[in-house]
Amino acid sequence: MAGHSKWHNIQRRKNAQDAKKGKIFMRHAKTIYTAAKEGGGDLDMNPSLRTAVEKAKADNMPNDNIDRAIKKATGGLDGVNYEEITYEGYGPGGIAVIVNVLTDNKNRTASEIRHAFKKNDGNLGENGSVTFMFDRKGYIVIEDPDGAIDEDDMTLEAIEAGADDITAEDGVYEIYTDPENFQSVRDHLRDNHYELAEADVTFIPQTYTAPSEDDEQKMLTLINMLEDSEDTQDIHHNMENSG
């Protein structure tokens, strides 16, 4: 699944650029708001909120912004209501795409998503049209460029905590879990002083599509257009990256 990590490297660089413009903070605020709205504002009692706050802090979101999003959701402040929507479709060259959004204006968001697909030779599909091509998995990344980690020890720790699979390539460990085991594996690795570059429950492609050079460029443009929308939370696809 090396292609997955290659895309996540691209995504992390894009997220860093967005942080400079403040868009990433807005996305985190929406995610925190939704998690607190559904499960309450106590991080100890709400794993989804705890995960959302951890992601926000990893991107250096100010504590005041985090607290404000929680207070909005729990009645401490007046706020808008956000709705979570998943769009599915095919990008150029038949690449499967899933886009998760949080929005307070469904019509605006649908128009933006549809325009991005159409402009780049893609098309939106019905719910379920591409999700069958993905597995929902816990996904944890540990980066070890200096080779300081003992691979056998780390593998044993992860397996004992409930991991399903581990791959290693170029100093990057990718750990896969069932969604139900994700939190326990993540916490166990952190408790054993492993630094996690990424930890999330996500969609993993069952197979990858190798695009033509032209379709790859169109797909990257589609991704950029989707990322430019402040409503976009996550993008999943099965493009095999050539980089």
Protein backbone atom coordinates (compact mmCIF):
# COMPACT_ATOMS: atom_id res chain seq x y z
CA MET A 1 0.00 0.00 0.00
CA ALA A 2 2.95 2.29 -0.64
CA GLY A 3 0.84 4.47 -2.92
CA HIS A 4 -1.28 5.39 0.07
CA SER A 5 1.65 6.87 1.95
CA LYS A 6 2.84 8.74 -1.13
CA TRP A 7 -0.55 10.45 -1.40
CA HIS A 8 -0.58 11.24 2.31
CA ASN A 9 2.83 12.89 1.94
CA ILE A 10 1.33 15.12 -0.75
CA GLN A 11 -1.70 15.76 1.42
CA ARG A 12 0.38 16.76 4.45
CA ARG A 13 2.29 19.30 2.34
CA LYS A 14 -1.00 20.69 1.04
CA ASN A 15 -2.37 20.91 4.57
CA ALA A 16 0.68 22.89 5.65
CA GLN A 17 0.03 25.40 2.86
CA ASP A 18 -3.63 25.68 3.83
CA ALA A 19 -2.69 26.37 7.46
CA LYS A 20 -0.95 29.56 6.35
CA LYS A 21 -4.23 30.77 4.86
CA GLY A 22 -6.25 29.75 7.90
CA LYS A 23 -8.44 27.28 5.98
CA ILE A 24 -7.21 24.28 7.91
CA PHE A 25 -8.27 25.94 11.16
CA MET A 26 -11.79 26.36 9.82
CA ARG A 27 -11.92 22.68 8.90
CA HIS A 28 -10.73 21.65 12.32
CA ALA A 29 -13.27 23.96 13.96
CA LYS A 30 -16.10 22.32 12.02
CA THR A 31 -14.91 18.82 12.92
CA ILE A 32 -14.60 19.75 16.59
CA TYR A 33 -18.01 21.41 16.52
CA THR A 34 -19.68 18.32 15.02
CA ALA A 35 -17.98 15.89 17.41
CA ALA A 36 -18.93 18.00 20.44
CA LYS A 37 -22.48 18.45 19.15
CA GLU A 38 -22.95 14.70 18.82
CA GLY A 39 -21.06 13.44 21.88
CA GLY A 40 -20.69 16.34 24.30
CA GLY A 41 -17.81 18.63 25.18
CA ASP A 42 -15.91 16.34 27.60
CA LEU A 43 -12.78 15.04 25.87
CA ASP A 44 -12.46 12.14 28.31
CA MET A 45 -15.98 10.93 27.50
CA ASN A 46 -15.97 11.70 23.77
CA PRO A 47 -13.25 9.87 21.76
CA SER A 48 -14.27 11.55 18.50
CA LEU A 49 -13.86 14.98 20.04
CA ARG A 50 -10.53 14.01 21.58
CA THR A 51 -9.24 12.85 18.18
CA ALA A 52 -10.49 16.04 16.51
CA VAL A 53 -8.76 18.23 19.11
CA GLU A 54 -5.52 16.26 18.78
CA LYS A 55 -5.52 16.80 15.01
CA ALA A 56 -6.19 20.50 15.47
CA LYS A 57 -3.34 20.88 17.95
CA ALA A 58 -1.00 18.98 15.62
CA ASP A 59 -1.68 21.74 13.07
CA ASN A 60 -1.02 24.41 15.74
CA MET A 61 -4.61 25.56 16.02
CA PRO A 62 -4.88 28.02 18.95
CA ASN A 63 -6.58 26.74 22.09
CA ASP A 64 -9.00 29.68 22.01
CA ASN A 65 -10.26 28.54 18.60
CA ILE A 66 -10.68 25.00 19.88
CA ASP A 67 -12.55 26.10 23.01
CA ARG A 68 -14.80 28.38 20.97
CA ALA A 69 -15.81 25.54 18.62
CA ILE A 70 -16.67 23.30 21.60
CA LYS A 71 -18.67 26.06 23.31
CA LYS A 72 -20.63 26.73 20.12
CA ALA A 73 -21.61 23.07 19.92
CA THR A 74 -22.54 22.71 23.58
CA GLY A 75 -24.62 25.86 23.87
CA GLY A 76 -21.96 28.16 25.29
CA LEU A 77 -22.13 30.33 22.16
CA ASP A 78 -24.60 30.84 19.35
CA GLY A 79 -23.49 29.14 16.17
CA VAL A 80 -24.59 27.68 12.87
CA ASN A 81 -25.43 24.03 12.34
CA TYR A 82 -23.09 22.01 10.13
CA GLU A 83 -24.11 18.93 8.17
CA GLU A 84 -21.76 16.11 7.21
CA ILE A 85 -22.14 14.96 3.59
CA THR A 86 -20.21 12.41 1.54
CA TYR A 87 -19.86 12.77 -2.23
CA GLU A 88 -18.76 9.90 -4.45
CA GLY A 89 -17.73 9.84 -8.07
CA TYR A 90 -15.08 9.19 -10.65
CA GLY A 91 -12.24 11.48 -11.59
CA PRO A 92 -10.35 11.51 -14.90
CA GLY A 93 -9.42 8.06 -16.17
CA GLY A 94 -12.00 6.34 -13.97
CA ILE A 95 -10.24 7.11 -10.66
CA ALA A 96 -12.59 6.51 -7.72
CA VAL A 97 -13.04 9.54 -5.46
CA ILE A 98 -14.74 10.06 -2.08
CA VAL A 99 -15.11 13.59 -0.68
CA ASN A 100 -16.26 14.24 2.89
CA VAL A 101 -17.54 17.74 3.66
CA LEU A 102 -18.98 19.70 6.56
CA THR A 103 -21.22 22.52 5.42
CA ASP A 104 -23.88 24.97 6.54
CA ASN A 105 -25.03 25.43 2.92
CA LYS A 106 -25.65 22.21 0.99
CA ASN A 107 -26.50 23.95 -2.28
CA ARG A 108 -23.28 25.97 -2.31
CA THR A 109 -21.13 22.97 -1.49
CA ALA A 110 -22.81 20.67 -4.02
CA SER A 111 -22.28 23.28 -6.73
CA GLU A 112 -18.58 23.63 -5.87
CA ILE A 113 -17.99 19.86 -5.80
CA ARG A 114 -19.89 19.28 -9.05
CA HIS A 115 -17.99 22.08 -10.80
CA ALA A 116 -14.60 20.68 -9.72
CA PHE A 117 -15.44 17.21 -11.07
CA LYS A 118 -16.89 18.48 -14.35
CA LYS A 119 -13.99 20.83 -15.06
CA ASN A 120 -11.51 17.93 -14.74
CA ASP A 121 -13.30 15.25 -16.81
CA GLY A 122 -14.91 13.60 -13.80
CA ASN A 123 -18.48 12.98 -12.75
CA LEU A 124 -20.36 12.57 -9.48
CA GLY A 125 -22.17 9.32 -8.77
CA GLU A 126 -24.82 8.05 -6.39
CA ASN A 127 -24.15 7.12 -2.78
CA GLY A 128 -22.35 3.78 -2.72
CA SER A 129 -21.08 4.10 -6.28
CA VAL A 130 -17.40 3.88 -5.27
CA THR A 131 -17.23 3.17 -1.52
CA PHE A 132 -17.36 -0.57 -2.24
CA MET A 133 -13.86 -0.16 -3.73
CA PHE A 134 -12.43 0.97 -0.38
CA ASP A 135 -11.97 -0.58 3.07
CA ARG A 136 -12.51 1.54 6.16
CA LYS A 137 -9.42 1.10 8.31
CA GLY A 138 -7.53 2.67 11.14
CA TYR A 139 -4.33 4.09 9.63
CA ILE A 140 -1.25 5.08 11.62
CA VAL A 141 2.04 6.38 10.23
CA ILE A 142 5.36 6.37 12.08
CA GLU A 143 8.31 8.02 10.34
CA ASP A 144 11.82 6.83 11.12
CA PRO A 145 14.26 8.45 8.66
CA ASP A 146 17.25 7.84 10.94
CA GLY A 147 16.54 4.14 11.52
CA ALA A 148 16.28 4.57 15.30
CA ILE A 149 13.26 2.27 15.66
CA ASP A 150 13.66 -1.47 16.16
CA GLU A 151 11.23 -2.81 13.56
CA ASP A 152 10.65 -6.13 15.36
CA ASP A 153 9.89 -4.45 18.68
CA MET A 154 7.54 -1.90 17.13
CA THR A 155 5.77 -4.58 15.09
CA LEU A 156 5.25 -6.72 18.18
CA GLU A 157 3.89 -3.76 20.15
CA ALA A 158 1.43 -2.90 17.38
CA ILE A 159 0.25 -6.49 16.87
CA GLU A 160 -0.24 -7.03 20.59
CA ALA A 161 -2.32 -3.85 20.74
CA GLY A 162 -4.60 -5.13 17.96
CA ALA A 163 -3.08 -4.03 14.63
CA ASP A 164 -4.00 -6.06 11.54
CA ASP A 165 -1.10 -5.28 9.23
CA ILE A 166 2.17 -3.34 9.14
CA THR A 167 4.24 -2.28 6.15
CA ALA A 168 7.65 -0.60 6.09
CA GLU A 169 9.22 1.32 3.22
CA ASP A 170 11.93 4.00 3.12
CA GLY A 171 11.80 4.65 6.86
CA VAL A 172 8.00 4.94 6.97
CA TYR A 173 5.87 2.45 8.91
CA GLU A 174 2.20 2.14 7.99
CA ILE A 175 -0.02 0.38 10.53
CA TYR A 176 -3.54 -0.77 9.68
CA THR A 177 -6.27 -1.67 12.17
CA ASP A 178 -9.97 -2.39 12.31
CA PRO A 179 -11.77 0.89 13.09
CA GLU A 180 -12.84 -0.56 16.45
CA ASN A 181 -9.22 -1.20 17.45
CA PHE A 182 -7.80 2.08 16.16
CA GLN A 183 -7.93 4.04 19.38
CA SER A 184 -6.37 1.30 21.51
CA VAL A 185 -3.52 0.74 19.04
CA ARG A 186 -2.89 4.47 18.69
CA ASP A 187 -2.87 5.04 22.45
CA HIS A 188 -0.66 2.00 23.08
CA LEU A 189 1.96 3.20 20.62
CA ARG A 190 1.91 6.70 22.09
CA ASP A 191 2.22 5.29 25.60
CA ASN A 192 5.33 3.45 24.42
CA HIS A 193 6.84 6.71 23.16
CA TYR A 194 6.38 6.27 19.43
CA GLU A 195 5.82 9.58 17.65
CA LEU A 196 2.88 9.31 15.25
CA ALA A 197 3.12 11.34 12.06
CA GLU A 198 -0.49 10.53 11.26
CA ALA A 199 -3.33 8.65 12.94
CA ASP A 200 -6.85 8.46 11.60
CA VAL A 201 -9.70 6.19 10.55
CA THR A 202 -9.80 6.46 6.79
CA PHE A 203 -10.69 4.77 3.51
CA ILE A 204 -7.99 2.50 2.03
CA PRO A 205 -8.32 1.57 -1.67
CA GLN A 206 -8.61 -2.15 -2.38
CA THR A 207 -6.85 -1.59 -5.72
CA TYR A 208 -5.14 1.37 -7.37
CA THR A 209 -5.71 2.89 -10.80
CA ALA A 210 -2.65 3.91 -12.82
CA PRO A 211 -3.62 7.03 -14.82
CA SER A 212 -2.10 8.45 -17.97
CA GLU A 213 0.17 11.45 -17.49
CA ASP A 214 -2.62 13.75 -18.69
CA ASP A 215 -5.20 12.18 -16.37
CA GLU A 216 -2.82 12.37 -13.42
CA GLN A 217 -2.40 16.12 -13.91
CA LYS A 218 -6.17 16.57 -14.18
CA MET A 219 -6.64 14.52 -11.03
CA LEU A 220 -4.14 16.66 -9.12
CA THR A 221 -6.00 19.76 -10.33
CA LEU A 222 -9.29 18.21 -9.16
CA ILE A 223 -7.79 17.54 -5.74
CA ASN A 224 -6.52 21.11 -5.48
CA MET A 225 -9.91 22.52 -6.42
CA LEU A 226 -11.66 20.34 -3.85
CA GLU A 227 -9.11 21.27 -1.19
CA ASP A 228 -9.65 24.96 -1.92
CA SER A 229 -13.20 24.65 -0.61
CA GLU A 230 -13.31 25.37 3.11
CA ASP A 231 -16.14 22.81 3.38
CA THR A 232 -13.91 19.89 2.34
CA GLN A 233 -12.71 17.75 5.24
CA ASP A 234 -11.18 14.68 3.58
CA ILE A 235 -10.51 13.38 0.08
CA HIS A 236 -9.95 9.69 -0.65
CA HIS A 237 -9.07 8.20 -4.02
CA ASN A 238 -7.40 5.20 -5.61
CA MET A 239 -4.97 6.92 -7.96
CA GLU A 240 -1.57 5.28 -8.13
CA ASN A 241 0.81 8.21 -7.83
CA SER A 242 3.80 8.12 -10.18
CA GLY A 243 5.93 10.42 -8.02
